[in-house]
Amino acid sequence: MTSAVGTDTGSNYFVAGDSLRLIEHPEILPAGFPLQIKPLPIKNRYEGDKGAIANGAKLFVGYNCLDCHGADGSGAMGPSFQDGRWHFGGSPGDVFESIYQGRPDGMPAWGGRISNEQIWILTAYVRSLSSKDLSTENFTGKTVERTGH
């Protein structure tokens, strides 16, 4: 088994020495599409690791993520990570895919520019910012009751 870029080794693809798994998107498969294999759940080994999350915060600053996503992921030109709302899914695999492949209208693709390990560390950091739903808070941070006008 080699780790050359784009080498097909039978059942795995390797990119720059890092293993790469594809994310399942059943919402885009046509009805009745036969699935031959069950997808493996993707887990981030850095999820909840305080040291990795601290390193992710440094990478977030170092790669200028805060220019678009704001300090501490509060949102600016890019979306906030603090409000619990994810445009392209908030699972570890979804966030990894967003960083790796980029997204339309502004998010650059970081895959191939930085290691998959760094992307997983950034994923853990970004997901750690989404600790609560801010949609019912006012500017002082107090929870307010929603009323149906």
Protein backbone atom coordinates (compact mmCIF):
# COMPACT_ATOMS: atom_id res chain seq x y z
CA MET A 1 0.00 0.00 0.00
CA THR A 2 1.48 3.37 -0.99
CA SER A 3 0.53 6.82 0.15
CA ALA A 4 1.08 8.66 -3.10
CA VAL A 5 -1.37 11.36 -4.00
CA GLY A 6 -4.50 9.87 -5.57
CA THR A 7 -3.27 6.29 -5.46
CA ASP A 8 -6.02 3.68 -5.53
CA THR A 9 -5.07 0.92 -3.12
CA GLY A 10 -8.19 -1.18 -3.45
CA SER A 11 -10.61 0.05 -0.81
CA ASN A 12 -8.95 3.25 0.46
CA TYR A 13 -7.80 6.47 -1.12
CA PHE A 14 -4.85 8.30 0.34
CA VAL A 15 -4.04 11.97 -0.13
CA ALA A 16 -0.66 13.32 0.93
CA GLY A 17 -0.20 10.45 3.37
CA ASP A 18 -3.50 11.10 5.19
CA SER A 19 -6.41 8.71 4.89
CA LEU A 20 -9.49 10.31 3.41
CA ARG A 21 -13.02 9.02 3.82
CA LEU A 22 -15.98 10.23 1.87
CA ILE A 23 -19.03 11.70 3.58
CA GLU A 24 -22.39 10.10 2.85
CA HIS A 25 -25.03 12.46 1.44
CA PRO A 26 -28.20 10.36 1.13
CA GLU A 27 -30.25 13.48 0.37
CA ILE A 28 -28.73 13.66 -3.12
CA LEU A 29 -29.21 10.02 -4.10
CA PRO A 30 -32.16 9.27 -6.39
CA ALA A 31 -35.03 7.26 -4.94
CA GLY A 32 -34.38 3.54 -5.16
CA PHE A 33 -30.63 4.01 -5.61
CA PRO A 34 -29.01 0.75 -4.48
CA LEU A 35 -26.49 1.14 -1.69
CA GLN A 36 -23.96 -1.67 -1.84
CA ILE A 37 -21.98 -0.71 1.25
CA LYS A 38 -22.88 0.81 4.58
CA PRO A 39 -21.03 4.03 5.31
CA LEU A 40 -18.72 4.08 8.31
CA PRO A 41 -19.50 6.67 10.95
CA ILE A 42 -16.80 9.31 10.97
CA LYS A 43 -15.43 10.25 14.37
CA ASN A 44 -12.99 13.01 15.18
CA ARG A 45 -10.36 11.75 17.59
CA TYR A 46 -9.73 15.35 18.71
CA GLU A 47 -13.34 16.01 19.71
CA GLY A 48 -13.39 17.12 23.37
CA ASP A 49 -9.56 17.07 23.65
CA LYS A 50 -8.73 20.35 25.41
CA GLY A 51 -5.15 20.41 24.12
CA ALA A 52 -6.24 19.86 20.53
CA ILE A 53 -8.98 22.48 20.85
CA ALA A 54 -6.40 24.99 22.17
CA ASN A 55 -4.21 24.16 19.15
CA GLY A 56 -7.26 24.56 16.93
CA ALA A 57 -7.75 28.07 18.31
CA LYS A 58 -4.16 28.89 17.29
CA LEU A 59 -4.71 27.43 13.82
CA PHE A 60 -7.95 29.42 13.52
CA VAL A 61 -5.96 32.62 14.07
CA GLY A 62 -2.91 31.46 12.09
CA TYR A 63 -4.91 30.61 8.97
CA ASN A 64 -6.93 33.85 9.25
CA CYS A 65 -10.25 32.07 9.76
CA LEU A 66 -11.24 34.90 12.10
CA ASP A 67 -11.13 37.40 9.23
CA CYS A 68 -14.35 35.88 7.87
CA HIS A 69 -15.80 34.02 10.87
CA GLY A 70 -15.00 36.64 13.53
CA ALA A 71 -13.13 36.37 16.80
CA ASP A 72 -14.09 33.18 18.63
CA GLY A 73 -16.25 32.20 15.64
CA SER A 74 -18.83 34.89 16.38
CA GLY A 75 -19.47 35.58 12.70
CA ALA A 76 -18.53 38.38 10.33
CA MET A 77 -18.52 38.06 6.55
CA GLY A 78 -18.72 34.28 7.11
CA PRO A 79 -21.26 32.52 9.31
CA SER A 80 -21.09 32.32 13.09
CA PHE A 81 -20.17 29.04 14.74
CA GLN A 82 -21.63 30.04 18.09
CA ASP A 83 -25.34 29.92 17.31
CA GLY A 84 -25.67 26.18 16.69
CA ARG A 85 -26.86 26.67 13.11
CA TRP A 86 -24.83 24.96 10.39
CA HIS A 87 -25.38 25.75 6.70
CA PHE A 88 -23.75 22.52 5.48
CA GLY A 89 -24.19 20.28 8.54
CA GLY A 90 -22.50 20.37 11.92
CA SER A 91 -21.35 16.77 12.35
CA PRO A 92 -17.58 16.24 12.56
CA GLY A 93 -17.57 14.84 9.01
CA ASP A 94 -19.63 17.73 7.66
CA VAL A 95 -17.37 20.37 9.22
CA PHE A 96 -14.25 18.54 8.01
CA GLU A 97 -15.73 18.42 4.51
CA SER A 98 -16.52 22.16 4.59
CA ILE A 99 -12.95 23.00 5.52
CA TYR A 100 -11.40 20.43 3.16
CA GLN A 101 -13.50 21.17 0.05
CA GLY A 102 -14.53 24.76 0.73
CA ARG A 103 -18.02 26.09 0.12
CA PRO A 104 -19.61 28.32 -2.53
CA ASP A 105 -19.41 32.10 -2.25
CA GLY A 106 -16.27 32.51 -0.20
CA MET A 107 -15.05 29.54 1.85
CA PRO A 108 -11.72 28.43 0.33
CA ALA A 109 -10.74 24.77 0.08
CA TRP A 110 -7.99 23.96 2.57
CA GLY A 111 -7.60 20.30 1.59
CA GLY A 112 -4.13 19.74 0.17
CA ARG A 113 -2.90 23.05 1.62
CA ILE A 114 -2.89 21.89 5.21
CA SER A 115 -2.82 18.36 6.61
CA ASN A 116 -5.97 16.39 7.31
CA GLU A 117 -4.83 16.25 10.94
CA GLN A 118 -4.90 20.05 11.14
CA ILE A 119 -8.35 20.06 9.54
CA TRP A 120 -9.57 17.61 12.20
CA ILE A 121 -8.08 19.83 14.92
CA LEU A 122 -9.81 22.87 13.41
CA THR A 123 -13.02 20.84 13.23
CA ALA A 124 -12.82 20.08 16.96
CA TYR A 125 -12.21 23.76 17.74
CA VAL A 126 -15.01 25.06 15.51
CA ARG A 127 -17.50 22.54 16.93
CA SER A 128 -16.48 23.49 20.49
CA LEU A 129 -17.63 27.05 19.80
CA SER A 130 -21.20 25.91 19.20
CA SER A 131 -22.01 25.24 22.82
CA LYS A 132 -25.45 26.81 22.99
CA ASP A 133 -28.31 28.17 20.95
CA LEU A 134 -28.08 31.95 20.99
CA SER A 135 -31.32 32.50 19.11
CA THR A 136 -33.27 33.32 22.29
CA GLU A 137 -30.68 35.59 23.91
CA ASN A 138 -30.64 39.36 23.91
CA PHE A 139 -27.47 41.45 23.71
CA THR A 140 -26.78 41.20 27.44
CA GLY A 141 -26.69 37.41 27.21
CA LYS A 142 -29.88 36.88 29.23
CA THR A 143 -32.36 34.37 27.92
CA VAL A 144 -35.60 35.97 26.84
CA GLU A 145 -38.92 34.29 26.32
CA ARG A 146 -40.11 34.13 22.73
CA THR A 147 -43.58 35.44 22.15
CA GLY A 148 -45.71 34.81 19.11
CA HIS A 149 -46.75 38.26 17.93
